[in-house]
């Protein structure tokens, strides 16, 4: 039982954190590209550039910087 409490204390005290991972899914035309474009723009403006991977094989170019 000590492990969960220790993990919580580490996060609360500003200890090392794991990077966040977002997987954006949705129907065609639901705003996935717009959401990711705005999110990457915000993160770049905060000085925290994200690592973006486009997994849609039908889309060859996206309106935001993608690493893969």
N, C-alpha and C. Protein backbone atom coordinates (compact mmCIF):
# COMPACT_ATOMS: atom_id res chain seq x y z
N UNK A 1 0.80 -1.20 0.00
CA UNK A 1 0.00 0.00 0.00
C UNK A 1 0.85 1.27 0.00
N UNK A 2 2.13 1.16 0.25
CA UNK A 2 2.98 2.34 0.30
C UNK A 2 3.27 2.90 -1.08
N UNK A 3 3.25 2.06 -2.10
CA UNK A 3 3.60 2.52 -3.46
C UNK A 3 2.63 3.56 -3.99
N UNK A 4 1.30 3.38 -3.93
CA UNK A 4 0.40 4.42 -4.45
C UNK A 4 0.54 5.73 -3.70
N UNK A 5 0.73 5.69 -2.39
CA UNK A 5 0.88 6.92 -1.62
C UNK A 5 2.18 7.62 -2.00
N UNK A 6 3.24 6.86 -2.21
CA UNK A 6 4.52 7.46 -2.59
C UNK A 6 4.43 8.11 -3.96
N UNK A 7 3.73 7.47 -4.89
CA UNK A 7 3.57 8.05 -6.22
C UNK A 7 2.77 9.34 -6.16
N UNK A 8 1.73 9.37 -5.34
CA UNK A 8 0.91 10.57 -5.20
C UNK A 8 1.72 11.70 -4.59
N UNK A 9 2.52 11.40 -3.57
CA UNK A 9 3.34 12.42 -2.93
C UNK A 9 4.38 12.97 -3.89
N UNK A 10 4.96 12.13 -4.73
CA UNK A 10 5.96 12.57 -5.70
C UNK A 10 5.35 13.55 -6.70
N UNK A 11 4.15 13.26 -7.17
CA UNK A 11 3.49 14.14 -8.12
C UNK A 11 3.07 15.44 -7.46
N UNK A 12 2.59 15.38 -6.23
CA UNK A 12 2.13 16.57 -5.53
C UNK A 12 3.29 17.49 -5.18
N UNK A 13 4.47 16.94 -4.94
CA UNK A 13 5.61 17.76 -4.54
C UNK A 13 6.38 18.32 -5.74
N UNK A 14 5.88 18.14 -6.94
CA UNK A 14 6.55 18.67 -8.11
C UNK A 14 7.65 17.77 -8.62
N UNK A 15 7.58 16.50 -8.28
CA UNK A 15 8.57 15.53 -8.74
C UNK A 15 8.42 15.29 -10.23
N UNK A 16 9.21 14.36 -10.76
CA UNK A 16 9.16 14.07 -12.20
C UNK A 16 7.78 13.57 -12.62
N UNK A 17 7.34 14.04 -13.78
CA UNK A 17 6.03 13.65 -14.31
C UNK A 17 6.22 12.98 -15.66
N UNK A 18 5.35 12.06 -15.97
CA UNK A 18 5.35 11.44 -17.29
C UNK A 18 4.73 12.41 -18.29
N UNK A 19 5.19 12.41 -19.53
CA UNK A 19 4.58 13.29 -20.53
C UNK A 19 3.15 12.86 -20.83
N UNK A 20 2.32 13.82 -21.14
CA UNK A 20 0.93 13.52 -21.50
C UNK A 20 0.88 12.96 -22.91
N UNK A 21 -0.04 12.07 -23.15
CA UNK A 21 -0.23 11.48 -24.47
C UNK A 21 -1.69 11.61 -24.84
N UNK A 22 -1.97 12.27 -25.97
CA UNK A 22 -3.35 12.43 -26.43
C UNK A 22 -3.53 11.67 -27.72
N UNK A 23 -4.63 10.96 -27.83
CA UNK A 23 -5.01 10.27 -29.05
C UNK A 23 -6.33 10.90 -29.47
N UNK A 24 -6.33 11.56 -30.63
CA UNK A 24 -7.52 12.29 -31.08
C UNK A 24 -8.25 11.45 -32.11
N UNK A 25 -9.47 11.08 -31.78
CA UNK A 25 -10.31 10.26 -32.65
C UNK A 25 -11.63 10.97 -32.90
N UNK A 26 -12.25 10.68 -34.03
CA UNK A 26 -13.57 11.25 -34.30
C UNK A 26 -14.01 10.99 -35.72
N UNK A 27 -15.26 11.27 -35.96
CA UNK A 27 -15.84 11.09 -37.29
C UNK A 27 -15.26 12.14 -38.24
N UNK A 28 -15.39 11.88 -39.53
CA UNK A 28 -14.93 12.84 -40.55
C UNK A 28 -15.66 14.17 -40.36
N UNK A 29 -14.91 15.24 -40.39
CA UNK A 29 -15.50 16.57 -40.27
C UNK A 29 -15.82 16.99 -38.86
N UNK A 30 -15.36 16.24 -37.86
CA UNK A 30 -15.71 16.57 -36.48
C UNK A 30 -14.78 17.61 -35.84
N UNK A 31 -13.69 17.98 -36.52
CA UNK A 31 -12.80 19.01 -36.00
C UNK A 31 -11.50 18.50 -35.40
N UNK A 32 -11.13 17.28 -35.73
CA UNK A 32 -9.88 16.71 -35.19
C UNK A 32 -8.67 17.54 -35.62
N UNK A 33 -8.58 17.84 -36.89
CA UNK A 33 -7.43 18.60 -37.41
C UNK A 33 -7.40 20.00 -36.82
N UNK A 34 -8.55 20.65 -36.72
CA UNK A 34 -8.62 21.99 -36.14
C UNK A 34 -8.19 21.97 -34.68
N UNK A 35 -8.66 20.97 -33.94
CA UNK A 35 -8.28 20.84 -32.53
C UNK A 35 -6.77 20.67 -32.38
N UNK A 36 -6.19 19.75 -33.15
CA UNK A 36 -4.75 19.49 -33.04
C UNK A 36 -3.96 20.71 -33.51
N UNK A 37 -4.43 21.40 -34.54
CA UNK A 37 -3.76 22.60 -35.02
C UNK A 37 -3.73 23.66 -33.91
N UNK A 38 -4.84 23.88 -33.24
CA UNK A 38 -4.89 24.88 -32.17
C UNK A 38 -4.09 24.44 -30.95
N UNK A 39 -4.14 23.17 -30.64
CA UNK A 39 -3.38 22.66 -29.49
C UNK A 39 -1.88 22.80 -29.73
N UNK A 40 -1.41 22.43 -30.92
CA UNK A 40 0.02 22.56 -31.20
C UNK A 40 0.45 24.02 -31.23
N UNK A 41 -0.41 24.89 -31.76
CA UNK A 41 -0.11 26.32 -31.75
C UNK A 41 0.03 26.86 -30.34
N UNK A 42 -0.88 26.45 -29.46
CA UNK A 42 -0.83 26.89 -28.07
C UNK A 42 0.44 26.38 -27.38
N UNK A 43 0.74 25.10 -27.57
CA UNK A 43 1.92 24.54 -26.92
C UNK A 43 3.20 25.19 -27.42
N UNK A 44 3.28 25.49 -28.72
CA UNK A 44 4.45 26.18 -29.25
C UNK A 44 4.56 27.58 -28.64
N UNK A 45 3.44 28.28 -28.48
CA UNK A 45 3.48 29.62 -27.90
C UNK A 45 3.90 29.60 -26.43
N UNK A 46 3.69 28.48 -25.75
CA UNK A 46 4.09 28.33 -24.35
C UNK A 46 5.53 27.83 -24.21
N UNK A 47 6.21 27.62 -25.35
CA UNK A 47 7.59 27.15 -25.32
C UNK A 47 7.72 25.67 -25.01
N UNK A 48 6.68 24.92 -25.28
CA UNK A 48 6.67 23.48 -25.02
C UNK A 48 6.20 22.76 -26.28
N UNK A 49 7.07 22.68 -27.30
CA UNK A 49 6.64 22.08 -28.57
C UNK A 49 6.27 20.60 -28.41
N UNK A 50 5.12 20.20 -28.95
CA UNK A 50 4.69 18.81 -28.83
C UNK A 50 5.34 17.92 -29.88
N UNK A 51 5.28 16.63 -29.66
CA UNK A 51 5.70 15.63 -30.64
C UNK A 51 4.43 15.10 -31.26
N UNK A 52 4.19 15.41 -32.54
CA UNK A 52 2.92 15.10 -33.20
C UNK A 52 3.12 14.02 -34.25
N UNK A 53 2.25 13.03 -34.23
CA UNK A 53 2.29 11.94 -35.20
C UNK A 53 0.95 11.88 -35.90
N UNK A 54 0.95 11.97 -37.23
CA UNK A 54 -0.27 11.84 -38.02
C UNK A 54 -0.41 10.37 -38.44
N UNK A 55 -1.45 9.71 -37.96
CA UNK A 55 -1.65 8.29 -38.26
C UNK A 55 -2.69 8.05 -39.35
N UNK A 56 -3.21 9.11 -39.96
CA UNK A 56 -4.22 8.96 -41.01
C UNK A 56 -3.52 8.71 -42.34
N UNK A 57 -3.62 7.52 -42.91
CA UNK A 57 -2.91 7.22 -44.16
C UNK A 57 -3.47 7.98 -45.36
N UNK A 58 -4.67 8.52 -45.25
CA UNK A 58 -5.27 9.25 -46.35
C UNK A 58 -4.82 10.71 -46.40
N UNK A 59 -4.21 11.20 -45.34
CA UNK A 59 -3.79 12.60 -45.26
C UNK A 59 -2.28 12.67 -45.36
N UNK A 60 -1.79 13.32 -46.42
CA UNK A 60 -0.35 13.42 -46.63
C UNK A 60 0.23 14.71 -46.08
N UNK A 61 -0.59 15.76 -45.98
CA UNK A 61 -0.14 17.04 -45.45
C UNK A 61 -1.16 17.54 -44.44
N UNK A 62 -0.66 18.05 -43.31
CA UNK A 62 -1.52 18.62 -42.28
C UNK A 62 -1.11 20.07 -42.05
N UNK A 63 -2.05 20.92 -41.59
CA UNK A 63 -1.74 22.35 -41.42
C UNK A 63 -1.01 22.67 -40.11
N UNK A 64 -0.29 21.71 -39.57
CA UNK A 64 0.49 21.92 -38.36
C UNK A 64 1.76 21.09 -38.47
N UNK A 65 2.81 21.46 -37.74
CA UNK A 65 4.05 20.69 -37.84
C UNK A 65 3.90 19.31 -37.22
N UNK A 66 4.16 18.28 -37.99
CA UNK A 66 4.08 16.90 -37.50
C UNK A 66 5.46 16.26 -37.58
N UNK A 67 5.83 15.53 -36.56
CA UNK A 67 7.13 14.86 -36.54
C UNK A 67 7.14 13.63 -37.44
N UNK A 68 6.02 12.92 -37.50
CA UNK A 68 5.91 11.74 -38.36
C UNK A 68 4.60 11.82 -39.11
